[in-house]
Amino acid sequence: MATARDTSTNPARIPALGFRALALVALAVVLMYLDHRDNHLDTVRDFVGTGLYPLRVFVDAPARLWEWTDDRLQSRTVLQQEVERLRREQQVIRARLLATNALEAENARLRELLEAREQVQDRVRVAEIMSVDANPFRHSLVIDVGSREGAYEGQAIVDQDGVIGQVIEAGPFTSEALLISDPGHALPVEVNRNGLRTIAYGTGEFDRLDVPGLANNADIREGDLLVTSGLGGAFPAGYPVAVVDSITRIPQRAFAEISAQPVARLDQVREIMLVWSTPPNAGGTDADEDAREEGEPDE
């Protein structure tokens, strides 16, 4: 019976479904015609679109959020990479700038040395400092010129500003020099203004010399330039040494307390000049013979 009932009902449904489909198709054709001809459905379409807009936004939100997040992450990564690249370039540029500044400073020092060399009448030789004594109580340095090139003990050393010191030990290829600021160094000087002679002693400070041998009534003033007097034979006369910067006259004492500031930058010097004011006594080297020949008159 169930089978018979199913067979009797199926044929009745087929015409109904076909009619409904045909009716819907006809309705769609009519609506399309009316909409195409007179745009009667624009209002309905706008109303439906407005109602569906929040649903579209909600459905599209996850995709948009993912795209936004991915774009921001990529942008952040790109920016970080760009910042890192710029930082490395900045470091390279700074390093090159420092090297350029060092070269410019070295060129300036060499130009000053050349200008000073033109002004010096004695025979000179430019030398470089190889090392500096780390002992704070001994101001000495090693230069790259030795006895094979004519250096000798007691030889004067100057730079573009003034007197630096003198050679105390001349080896075959290098020499050790004592700065005028060393506590054990004494240098005969005179006041350039009036020729008043005295001795300047090192104090162990790069920026101060003591001038203790002048009486209270001596004609010396702050700002006076002290130059080498030429006495003793080690230093040629007339080279700048220091500028008087302090004078204290105490009536109960016989001598004034005088200090002077070296004109040479003793703690910053890089290149120096050896001065041959007279031919060295020791030797047998070619440089010594040349110096002697320069000092001998032509026959």
C-alpha atoms as a PDB file:
ATOM      1  CA  MET A   1       0.000   0.000   0.000  1.00  0.00           C
ATOM      2  CA  ALA A   2       2.853   2.338   0.731  1.00  0.00           C
ATOM      3  CA  THR A   3       4.264   1.739  -2.673  1.00  0.00           C
ATOM      4  CA  ALA A   4       0.932   2.406  -4.359  1.00  0.00           C
ATOM      5  CA  ARG A   5       0.475   5.635  -2.399  1.00  0.00           C
ATOM      6  CA  ASP A   6       3.874   6.916  -3.419  1.00  0.00           C
ATOM      7  CA  THR A   7       3.168   6.104  -7.070  1.00  0.00           C
ATOM      8  CA  SER A   8      -0.119   7.938  -7.029  1.00  0.00           C
ATOM      9  CA  THR A   9       1.271  11.129  -5.474  1.00  0.00           C
ATOM     10  CA  ASN A  10       4.468  11.676  -7.594  1.00  0.00           C
ATOM     11  CA  PRO A  11       2.702  12.428 -10.875  1.00  0.00           C
ATOM     12  CA  ALA A  12       0.606  15.101  -9.160  1.00  0.00           C
ATOM     13  CA  ARG A  13       3.757  17.003  -7.954  1.00  0.00           C
ATOM     14  CA  ILE A  14       5.604  17.165 -11.252  1.00  0.00           C
ATOM     15  CA  PRO A  15       3.116  19.478 -13.029  1.00  0.00           C
ATOM     16  CA  ALA A  16       3.010  21.756  -9.942  1.00  0.00           C
ATOM     17  CA  LEU A  17       6.819  22.171  -9.874  1.00  0.00           C
ATOM     18  CA  GLY A  18       6.956  22.806 -13.582  1.00  0.00           C
ATOM     19  CA  PHE A  19       4.259  25.436 -13.334  1.00  0.00           C
ATOM     20  CA  ARG A  20       6.034  27.215 -10.501  1.00  0.00           C
ATOM     21  CA  ALA A  21       9.316  27.267 -12.351  1.00  0.00           C
ATOM     22  CA  LEU A  22       7.626  28.582 -15.473  1.00  0.00           C
ATOM     23  CA  ALA A  23       5.884  31.285 -13.434  1.00  0.00           C
ATOM     24  CA  LEU A  24       9.158  32.370 -11.804  1.00  0.00           C
ATOM     25  CA  VAL A  25      10.914  32.531 -15.153  1.00  0.00           C
ATOM     26  CA  ALA A  26       8.100  34.613 -16.576  1.00  0.00           C
ATOM     27  CA  LEU A  27       8.186  36.937 -13.580  1.00  0.00           C
ATOM     28  CA  ALA A  28      11.950  37.338 -13.923  1.00  0.00           C
ATOM     29  CA  VAL A  29      11.619  38.177 -17.604  1.00  0.00           C
ATOM     30  CA  VAL A  30       8.948  40.770 -16.869  1.00  0.00           C
ATOM     31  CA  LEU A  31      11.015  42.334 -14.087  1.00  0.00           C
ATOM     32  CA  MET A  32      14.103  42.426 -16.284  1.00  0.00           C
ATOM     33  CA  TYR A  33      12.129  44.080 -19.061  1.00  0.00           C
ATOM     34  CA  LEU A  34      10.617  46.684 -16.772  1.00  0.00           C
ATOM     35  CA  ASP A  35      13.946  47.390 -15.109  1.00  0.00           C
ATOM     36  CA  HIS A  36      15.781  47.635 -18.404  1.00  0.00           C
ATOM     37  CA  ARG A  37      13.143  49.861 -19.982  1.00  0.00           C
ATOM     38  CA  ASP A  38      12.066  52.197 -17.184  1.00  0.00           C
ATOM     39  CA  ASN A  39      14.467  51.427 -14.228  1.00  0.00           C
ATOM     40  CA  HIS A  40      11.558  50.684 -11.919  1.00  0.00           C
ATOM     41  CA  LEU A  41      13.664  48.461  -9.642  1.00  0.00           C
ATOM     42  CA  ASP A  42      16.428  50.939  -8.806  1.00  0.00           C
ATOM     43  CA  THR A  43      14.778  51.819  -5.509  1.00  0.00           C
ATOM     44  CA  VAL A  44      14.395  48.169  -4.588  1.00  0.00           C
ATOM     45  CA  ARG A  45      17.996  47.453  -5.601  1.00  0.00           C
ATOM     46  CA  ASP A  46      19.286  50.366  -3.485  1.00  0.00           C
ATOM     47  CA  PHE A  47      17.212  49.258  -0.506  1.00  0.00           C
ATOM     48  CA  VAL A  48      18.476  45.693  -0.777  1.00  0.00           C
ATOM     49  CA  GLY A  49      22.078  46.886  -1.213  1.00  0.00           C
ATOM     50  CA  THR A  50      21.797  49.121   1.826  1.00  0.00           C
ATOM     51  CA  GLY A  51      20.473  46.278   3.902  1.00  0.00           C
ATOM     52  CA  LEU A  52      23.202  43.906   2.755  1.00  0.00           C
ATOM     53  CA  TYR A  53      26.087  46.399   3.240  1.00  0.00           C
ATOM     54  CA  PRO A  54      26.667  45.598   6.944  1.00  0.00           C
ATOM     55  CA  LEU A  55      26.659  41.902   6.108  1.00  0.00           C
ATOM     56  CA  ARG A  56      29.222  42.466   3.354  1.00  0.00           C
ATOM     57  CA  VAL A  57      31.414  44.466   5.724  1.00  0.00           C
ATOM     58  CA  PHE A  58      31.168  41.776   8.383  1.00  0.00           C
ATOM     59  CA  VAL A  59      31.995  38.999   5.911  1.00  0.00           C
ATOM     60  CA  ASP A  60      34.868  40.996   4.376  1.00  0.00           C
ATOM     61  CA  ALA A  61      36.295  42.152   7.732  1.00  0.00           C
ATOM     62  CA  PRO A  62      38.548  39.108   8.418  1.00  0.00           C
ATOM     63  CA  ALA A  63      40.154  39.324   4.973  1.00  0.00           C
ATOM     64  CA  ARG A  64      40.676  43.079   5.282  1.00  0.00           C
ATOM     65  CA  LEU A  65      42.080  42.704   8.797  1.00  0.00           C
ATOM     66  CA  TRP A  66      44.520  40.059   7.608  1.00  0.00           C
ATOM     67  CA  GLU A  67      45.654  42.193   4.678  1.00  0.00           C
ATOM     68  CA  TRP A  68      46.066  45.247   6.952  1.00  0.00           C
ATOM     69  CA  THR A  69      48.053  43.276   9.526  1.00  0.00           C
ATOM     70  CA  ASP A  70      50.267  41.677   6.894  1.00  0.00           C
ATOM     71  CA  ASP A  71      50.888  45.046   5.244  1.00  0.00           C
ATOM     72  CA  ARG A  72      51.780  46.663   8.581  1.00  0.00           C
ATOM     73  CA  LEU A  73      54.103  43.814   9.509  1.00  0.00           C
ATOM     74  CA  GLN A  74      55.825  43.964   6.141  1.00  0.00           C
ATOM     75  CA  SER A  75      56.078  47.749   6.371  1.00  0.00           C
ATOM     76  CA  ARG A  76      57.597  47.493   9.873  1.00  0.00           C
ATOM     77  CA  THR A  77      60.107  44.888   8.716  1.00  0.00           C
ATOM     78  CA  VAL A  78      61.041  46.973   5.690  1.00  0.00           C
ATOM     79  CA  LEU A  79      61.436  50.064   7.856  1.00  0.00           C
ATOM     80  CA  GLN A  80      63.609  48.205  10.344  1.00  0.00           C
ATOM     81  CA  GLN A  81      65.801  46.915   7.543  1.00  0.00           C
ATOM     82  CA  GLU A  82      66.032  50.400   6.062  1.00  0.00           C
ATOM     83  CA  VAL A  83      66.919  51.914   9.451  1.00  0.00           C
ATOM     84  CA  GLU A  84      69.587  49.284  10.002  1.00  0.00           C
ATOM     85  CA  ARG A  85      71.038  49.906   6.548  1.00  0.00           C
ATOM     86  CA  LEU A  86      71.105  53.654   7.139  1.00  0.00           C
ATOM     87  CA  ARG A  87      72.730  53.110  10.529  1.00  0.00           C
ATOM     88  CA  ARG A  88      75.504  51.028   8.970  1.00  0.00           C
ATOM     89  CA  GLU A  89      76.026  53.625   6.251  1.00  0.00           C
ATOM     90  CA  GLN A  90      76.178  56.338   8.899  1.00  0.00           C
ATOM     91  CA  GLN A  91      78.850  54.416  10.806  1.00  0.00           C
ATOM     92  CA  VAL A  92      80.895  53.984   7.634  1.00  0.00           C
ATOM     93  CA  ILE A  93      80.539  57.684   6.808  1.00  0.00           C
ATOM     94  CA  ARG A  94      81.579  58.647  10.332  1.00  0.00           C
ATOM     95  CA  ALA A  95      84.630  56.405  10.151  1.00  0.00           C
ATOM     96  CA  ARG A  96      85.609  57.925   6.816  1.00  0.00           C
ATOM     97  CA  LEU A  97      85.014  61.405   8.202  1.00  0.00           C
ATOM     98  CA  LEU A  98      87.247  60.685  11.186  1.00  0.00           C
ATOM     99  CA  ALA A  99      89.972  59.420   8.866  1.00  0.00           C
ATOM    100  CA  THR A 100      89.549  62.516   6.712  1.00  0.00           C
ATOM    101  CA  ASN A 101      89.760  64.788   9.746  1.00  0.00           C
ATOM    102  CA  ALA A 102      92.904  62.981  10.897  1.00  0.00           C
ATOM    103  CA  LEU A 103      94.474  63.382   7.452  1.00  0.00           C
ATOM    104  CA  GLU A 104      93.559  67.060   7.350  1.00  0.00           C
ATOM    105  CA  ALA A 105      95.084  67.602  10.791  1.00  0.00           C
ATOM    106  CA  GLU A 106      98.229  65.720   9.769  1.00  0.00           C
ATOM    107  CA  ASN A 107      98.519  67.754   6.566  1.00  0.00           C
ATOM    108  CA  ALA A 108      98.118  70.958   8.573  1.00  0.00           C
ATOM    109  CA  ARG A 109     100.879  69.883  10.959  1.00  0.00           C
ATOM    110  CA  LEU A 110     103.167  68.993   8.060  1.00  0.00           C
ATOM    111  CA  ARG A 111     102.489  72.335   6.376  1.00  0.00           C
ATOM    112  CA  GLU A 112     103.344  74.097   9.623  1.00  0.00           C
ATOM    113  CA  LEU A 113     106.537  72.058   9.887  1.00  0.00           C
ATOM    114  CA  LEU A 114     107.504  72.979   6.334  1.00  0.00           C
ATOM    115  CA  GLU A 115     106.835  76.644   7.009  1.00  0.00           C
ATOM    116  CA  ALA A 116     108.870  76.456  10.221  1.00  0.00           C
ATOM    117  CA  ARG A 117     111.646  74.667   8.376  1.00  0.00           C
ATOM    118  CA  GLU A 118     111.868  77.510   5.860  1.00  0.00           C
ATOM    119  CA  GLN A 119     112.257  79.964   8.730  1.00  0.00           C
ATOM    120  CA  VAL A 120     114.967  77.924  10.495  1.00  0.00           C
ATOM    121  CA  GLN A 121     118.456  78.777   9.302  1.00  0.00           C
ATOM    122  CA  ASP A 122     120.109  75.666  10.773  1.00  0.00           C
ATOM    123  CA  ARG A 123     120.104  72.272   9.072  1.00  0.00           C
ATOM    124  CA  VAL A 124     117.053  70.284  10.161  1.00  0.00           C
ATOM    125  CA  ARG A 125     115.538  66.854   9.601  1.00  0.00           C
ATOM    126  CA  VAL A 126     111.876  65.938  10.075  1.00  0.00           C
ATOM    127  CA  ALA A 127     111.301  62.865  12.263  1.00  0.00           C
ATOM    128  CA  GLU A 128     108.291  60.975  13.560  1.00  0.00           C
ATOM    129  CA  ILE A 129     107.557  59.845  17.103  1.00  0.00           C
ATOM    130  CA  MET A 130     107.540  56.064  17.473  1.00  0.00           C
ATOM    131  CA  SER A 131     106.563  55.753  21.141  1.00  0.00           C
ATOM    132  CA  VAL A 132     106.067  57.808  24.296  1.00  0.00           C
ATOM    133  CA  ASP A 133     107.186  56.811  27.789  1.00  0.00           C
ATOM    134  CA  ALA A 134     104.162  55.786  29.843  1.00  0.00           C
ATOM    135  CA  ASN A 135     105.877  56.772  33.103  1.00  0.00           C
ATOM    136  CA  PRO A 136     104.117  59.959  34.334  1.00  0.00           C
ATOM    137  CA  PHE A 137     107.299  61.074  36.127  1.00  0.00           C
ATOM    138  CA  ARG A 138     109.475  60.889  33.026  1.00  0.00           C
ATOM    139  CA  HIS A 139     108.637  62.801  29.872  1.00  0.00           C
ATOM    140  CA  SER A 140     110.535  61.091  27.080  1.00  0.00           C
ATOM    141  CA  LEU A 141     109.841  59.693  23.641  1.00  0.00           C
ATOM    142  CA  VAL A 142     111.481  57.625  20.906  1.00  0.00           C
ATOM    143  CA  ILE A 143     111.937  58.955  17.373  1.00  0.00           C
ATOM    144  CA  ASP A 144     112.707  57.138  14.121  1.00  0.00           C
ATOM    145  CA  VAL A 145     116.072  58.829  13.434  1.00  0.00           C
ATOM    146  CA  GLY A 146     119.311  57.401  14.830  1.00  0.00           C
ATOM    147  CA  SER A 147     123.046  57.949  14.726  1.00  0.00           C
ATOM    148  CA  ARG A 148     123.308  56.386  11.248  1.00  0.00           C
ATOM    149  CA  GLU A 149     121.368  59.414   9.996  1.00  0.00           C
ATOM    150  CA  GLY A 150     123.351  61.924  12.038  1.00  0.00           C
ATOM    151  CA  ALA A 151     121.464  62.141  15.332  1.00  0.00           C
ATOM    152  CA  TYR A 152     123.648  62.670  18.397  1.00  0.00           C
ATOM    153  CA  GLU A 153     123.266  63.048  22.142  1.00  0.00           C
ATOM    154  CA  GLY A 154     122.321  66.567  23.203  1.00  0.00           C
ATOM    155  CA  GLN A 155     120.812  67.434  19.824  1.00  0.00           C
ATOM    156  CA  ALA A 156     117.954  69.948  19.960  1.00  0.00           C
ATOM    157  CA  ILE A 157     114.424  68.926  18.934  1.00  0.00           C
ATOM    158  CA  VAL A 158     111.786  71.458  17.883  1.00  0.00           C
ATOM    159  CA  ASP A 159     108.400  71.559  16.184  1.00  0.00           C
ATOM    160  CA  GLN A 160     106.527  74.258  14.295  1.00  0.00           C
ATOM    161  CA  ASP A 161     105.819  76.150  17.540  1.00  0.00           C
ATOM    162  CA  GLY A 162     109.055  75.922  19.490  1.00  0.00           C
ATOM    163  CA  VAL A 163     111.496  73.790  21.465  1.00  0.00           C
ATOM    164  CA  ILE A 164     110.406  70.245  22.340  1.00  0.00           C
ATOM    165  CA  GLY A 165     113.463  68.752  24.036  1.00  0.00           C
ATOM    166  CA  GLN A 166     116.777  67.156  23.226  1.00  0.00           C
ATOM    167  CA  VAL A 167     118.233  63.761  22.346  1.00  0.00           C
ATOM    168  CA  ILE A 168     119.642  61.936  25.369  1.00  0.00           C
ATOM    169  CA  GLU A 169     120.505  58.616  23.709  1.00  0.00           C
ATOM    170  CA  ALA A 170     121.177  58.049  20.004  1.00  0.00           C
ATOM    171  CA  GLY A 171     120.970  54.469  18.797  1.00  0.00           C
ATOM    172  CA  PRO A 172     121.809  53.271  15.292  1.00  0.00           C
ATOM    173  CA  PHE A 173     118.237  53.561  13.988  1.00  0.00           C
ATOM    174  CA  THR A 174     116.247  55.290  16.757  1.00  0.00           C
ATOM    175  CA  SER A 175     116.890  57.910  19.393  1.00  0.00           C
ATOM    176  CA  GLU A 176     115.446  58.691  22.803  1.00  0.00           C
ATOM    177  CA  ALA A 177     114.604  62.314  23.549  1.00  0.00           C
ATOM    178  CA  LEU A 178     113.813  64.106  26.817  1.00  0.00           C
ATOM    179  CA  LEU A 179     111.092  66.761  26.782  1.00  0.00           C
ATOM    180  CA  ILE A 180     111.701  70.155  28.352  1.00  0.00           C
ATOM    181  CA  SER A 181     108.811  69.426  30.750  1.00  0.00           C
ATOM    182  CA  ASP A 182     110.669  66.506  32.364  1.00  0.00           C
ATOM    183  CA  PRO A 183     111.551  67.256  36.030  1.00  0.00           C
ATOM    184  CA  GLY A 184     115.213  66.511  35.320  1.00  0.00           C
ATOM    185  CA  HIS A 185     115.543  68.884  32.361  1.00  0.00           C
ATOM    186  CA  ALA A 186     117.044  72.385  32.521  1.00  0.00           C
ATOM    187  CA  LEU A 187     117.221  74.772  29.581  1.00  0.00           C
ATOM    188  CA  PRO A 188     119.167  78.053  29.314  1.00  0.00           C
ATOM    189  CA  VAL A 189     116.772  80.766  28.134  1.00  0.00           C
ATOM    190  CA  GLU A 190     116.563  84.524  27.863  1.00  0.00           C
ATOM    191  CA  VAL A 191     113.763  87.046  27.800  1.00  0.00           C
ATOM    192  CA  ASN A 192     113.251  87.930  24.172  1.00  0.00           C
ATOM    193  CA  ARG A 193     112.256  91.497  25.043  1.00  0.00           C
ATOM    194  CA  ASN A 194     115.455  92.510  26.848  1.00  0.00           C
ATOM    195  CA  GLY A 195     117.920  89.594  26.705  1.00  0.00           C
ATOM    196  CA  LEU A 196     117.688  88.789  30.444  1.00  0.00           C
ATOM    197  CA  ARG A 197     119.204  85.317  30.889  1.00  0.00           C
ATOM    198  CA  THR A 198     117.989  82.574  33.211  1.00  0.00           C
ATOM    199  CA  ILE A 199     117.215  78.837  33.257  1.00  0.00           C
ATOM    200  CA  ALA A 200     113.843  77.136  32.753  1.00  0.00           C
ATOM    201  CA  TYR A 201     113.293  73.859  34.586  1.00  0.00           C
ATOM    202  CA  GLY A 202     110.791  71.111  33.835  1.00  0.00           C
ATOM    203  CA  THR A 203     108.101  70.504  36.433  1.00  0.00           C
ATOM    204  CA  GLY A 204     106.639  67.179  35.315  1.00  0.00           C
ATOM    205  CA  GLU A 205     103.662  69.054  33.841  1.00  0.00           C
ATOM    206  CA  PHE A 206     103.316  69.489  30.095  1.00  0.00           C
ATOM    207  CA  ASP A 207     101.949  73.016  30.411  1.00  0.00           C
ATOM    208  CA  ARG A 208     104.295  74.549  32.991  1.00  0.00           C
ATOM    209  CA  LEU A 209     108.005  75.366  33.418  1.00  0.00           C
ATOM    210  CA  ASP A 210     109.644  76.915  36.468  1.00  0.00           C
ATOM    211  CA  VAL A 211     111.926  79.944  36.110  1.00  0.00           C
ATOM    212  CA  PRO A 212     113.329  80.285  39.651  1.00  0.00           C
ATOM    213  CA  GLY A 213     116.591  82.166  39.152  1.00  0.00           C
ATOM    214  CA  LEU A 214     115.438  85.767  38.791  1.00  0.00           C
ATOM    215  CA  ALA A 215     115.450  88.396  41.535  1.00  0.00           C
ATOM    216  CA  ASN A 216     112.338  90.213  42.670  1.00  0.00           C
ATOM    217  CA  ASN A 217     113.402  93.353  40.868  1.00  0.00           C
ATOM    218  CA  ALA A 218     114.268  91.602  37.592  1.00  0.00           C
ATOM    219  CA  ASP A 219     112.804  93.139  34.438  1.00  0.00           C
ATOM    220  CA  ILE A 220     110.379  90.389  33.483  1.00  0.00           C
ATOM    221  CA  ARG A 221     106.667  90.600  32.849  1.00  0.00           C
ATOM    222  CA  GLU A 222     103.746  88.302  32.251  1.00  0.00           C
ATOM    223  CA  GLY A 223     103.477  87.610  28.531  1.00  0.00           C
ATOM    224  CA  ASP A 224     107.258  87.837  27.930  1.00  0.00           C
ATOM    225  CA  LEU A 225     108.550  85.268  25.451  1.00  0.00           C
ATOM    226  CA  LEU A 226     111.428  83.087  26.609  1.00  0.00           C
ATOM    227  CA  VAL A 227     113.782  81.881  23.857  1.00  0.00           C
ATOM    228  CA  THR A 228     116.874  79.699  23.873  1.00  0.00           C
ATOM    229  CA  SER A 229     119.954  81.707  24.796  1.00  0.00           C
ATOM    230  CA  GLY A 230     122.442  79.465  22.996  1.00  0.00           C
ATOM    231  CA  LEU A 231     124.520  78.987  26.163  1.00  0.00           C
ATOM    232  CA  GLY A 232     125.708  75.449  26.783  1.00  0.00           C
ATOM    233  CA  GLY A 233     125.904  74.600  23.084  1.00  0.00           C
ATOM    234  CA  ALA A 234     123.012  72.113  22.987  1.00  0.00           C
ATOM    235  CA  PHE A 235     120.284  74.479  21.812  1.00  0.00           C
ATOM    236  CA  PRO A 236     120.873  77.112  19.132  1.00  0.00           C
ATOM    237  CA  ALA A 237     119.936  80.647  20.134  1.00  0.00           C
ATOM    238  CA  GLY A 238     116.614  82.263  19.334  1.00  0.00           C
ATOM    239  CA  TYR A 239     114.178  79.323  19.377  1.00  0.00           C
ATOM    240  CA  PRO A 240     110.876  79.997  21.250  1.00  0.00           C
ATOM    241  CA  VAL A 241     110.519  78.031  24.478  1.00  0.00           C
ATOM    242  CA  ALA A 242     107.719  79.386  26.677  1.00  0.00           C
ATOM    243  CA  VAL A 243     105.611  82.415  27.583  1.00  0.00           C
ATOM    244  CA  VAL A 244     105.677  83.803  31.125  1.00  0.00           C
ATOM    245  CA  ASP A 245     102.199  83.391  32.618  1.00  0.00           C
ATOM    246  CA  SER A 246     102.723  83.922  36.367  1.00  0.00           C
ATOM    247  CA  ILE A 247     105.016  86.106  38.475  1.00  0.00           C
ATOM    248  CA  THR A 248     104.886  86.231  42.276  1.00  0.00           C
ATOM    249  CA  ARG A 249     107.223  88.649  44.047  1.00  0.00           C
ATOM    250  CA  ILE A 250     107.557  88.061  47.788  1.00  0.00           C
ATOM    251  CA  PRO A 251     109.467  90.843  49.624  1.00  0.00           C
ATOM    252  CA  GLN A 252     110.944  88.444  52.211  1.00  0.00           C
ATOM    253  CA  ARG A 253     112.547  86.336  49.486  1.00  0.00           C
ATOM    254  CA  ALA A 254     115.417  87.147  47.179  1.00  0.00           C
ATOM    255  CA  PHE A 255     113.975  85.499  44.083  1.00  0.00           C
ATOM    256  CA  ALA A 256     110.588  85.783  42.438  1.00  0.00           C
ATOM    257  CA  GLU A 257     108.389  82.757  41.775  1.00  0.00           C
ATOM    258  CA  ILE A 258     107.944  82.643  38.010  1.00  0.00           C
ATOM    259  CA  SER A 259     106.253  80.041  35.831  1.00  0.00           C
ATOM    260  CA  ALA A 260     105.941  79.870  32.070  1.00  0.00           C
ATOM    261  CA  GLN A 261     103.810  77.883  29.633  1.00  0.00           C
ATOM    262  CA  PRO A 262     105.662  76.056  26.821  1.00  0.00           C
ATOM    263  CA  VAL A 263     104.746  77.302  23.358  1.00  0.00           C
ATOM    264  CA  ALA A 264     104.971  73.762  21.954  1.00  0.00           C
ATOM    265  CA  ARG A 265     102.115  71.340  22.612  1.00  0.00           C
ATOM    266  CA  LEU A 266     104.275  68.786  24.365  1.00  0.00           C
ATOM    267  CA  ASP A 267     101.465  66.297  25.000  1.00  0.00           C
ATOM    268  CA  GLN A 268     100.080  66.452  21.443  1.00  0.00           C
ATOM    269  CA  VAL A 269     103.158  66.592  19.243  1.00  0.00           C
ATOM    270  CA  ARG A 270     103.306  64.057  16.385  1.00  0.00           C
ATOM    271  CA  GLU A 271     106.065  65.229  14.047  1.00  0.00           C
ATOM    272  CA  ILE A 272     109.274  66.939  15.153  1.00  0.00           C
ATOM    273  CA  MET A 273     112.483  68.331  13.677  1.00  0.00           C
ATOM    274  CA  LEU A 274     116.061  67.560  14.651  1.00  0.00           C
ATOM    275  CA  VAL A 275     118.297  70.630  14.493  1.00  0.00           C
ATOM    276  CA  TRP A 276     121.984  70.552  13.533  1.00  0.00           C
ATOM    277  CA  SER A 277     123.258  73.914  14.690  1.00  0.00           C
ATOM    278  CA  THR A 278     126.883  72.733  14.735  1.00  0.00           C
ATOM    279  CA  PRO A 279     128.468  69.554  13.414  1.00  0.00           C
ATOM    280  CA  PRO A 280     128.272  66.738  15.978  1.00  0.00           C
ATOM    281  CA  ASN A 281     131.540  65.599  17.529  1.00  0.00           C
ATOM    282  CA  ALA A 282     130.871  61.876  17.535  1.00  0.00           C
ATOM    283  CA  GLY A 283     130.370  59.946  14.420  1.00  0.00           C
ATOM    284  CA  GLY A 284     132.184  59.035  11.285  1.00  0.00           C
ATOM    285  CA  THR A 285     128.885  58.832   9.401  1.00  0.00           C
ATOM    286  CA  ASP A 286     128.130  60.307   6.022  1.00  0.00           C
ATOM    287  CA  ALA A 287     125.783  62.820   7.619  1.00  0.00           C
ATOM    288  CA  ASP A 288     128.575  64.005   9.906  1.00  0.00           C
ATOM    289  CA  GLU A 289     130.964  64.399   6.992  1.00  0.00           C
ATOM    290  CA  ASP A 290     128.356  66.387   5.071  1.00  0.00           C
ATOM    291  CA  ALA A 291     127.815  68.632   8.084  1.00  0.00           C
ATOM    292  CA  ARG A 292     131.554  69.203   8.422  1.00  0.00           C
ATOM    293  CA  GLU A 293     131.875  69.949   4.712  1.00  0.00           C
ATOM    294  CA  GLU A 294     129.041  72.477   4.986  1.00  0.00           C
ATOM    295  CA  GLY A 295     130.831  74.202   7.855  1.00  0.00           C
ATOM    296  CA  GLU A 296     134.257  74.321   6.171  1.00  0.00           C
ATOM    297  CA  PRO A 297     135.148  77.224   3.856  1.00  0.00           C
ATOM    298  CA  ASP A 298     136.028  76.522   0.271  1.00  0.00           C
ATOM    299  CA  GLU A 299     139.753  76.404  -0.424  1.00  0.00           C
END
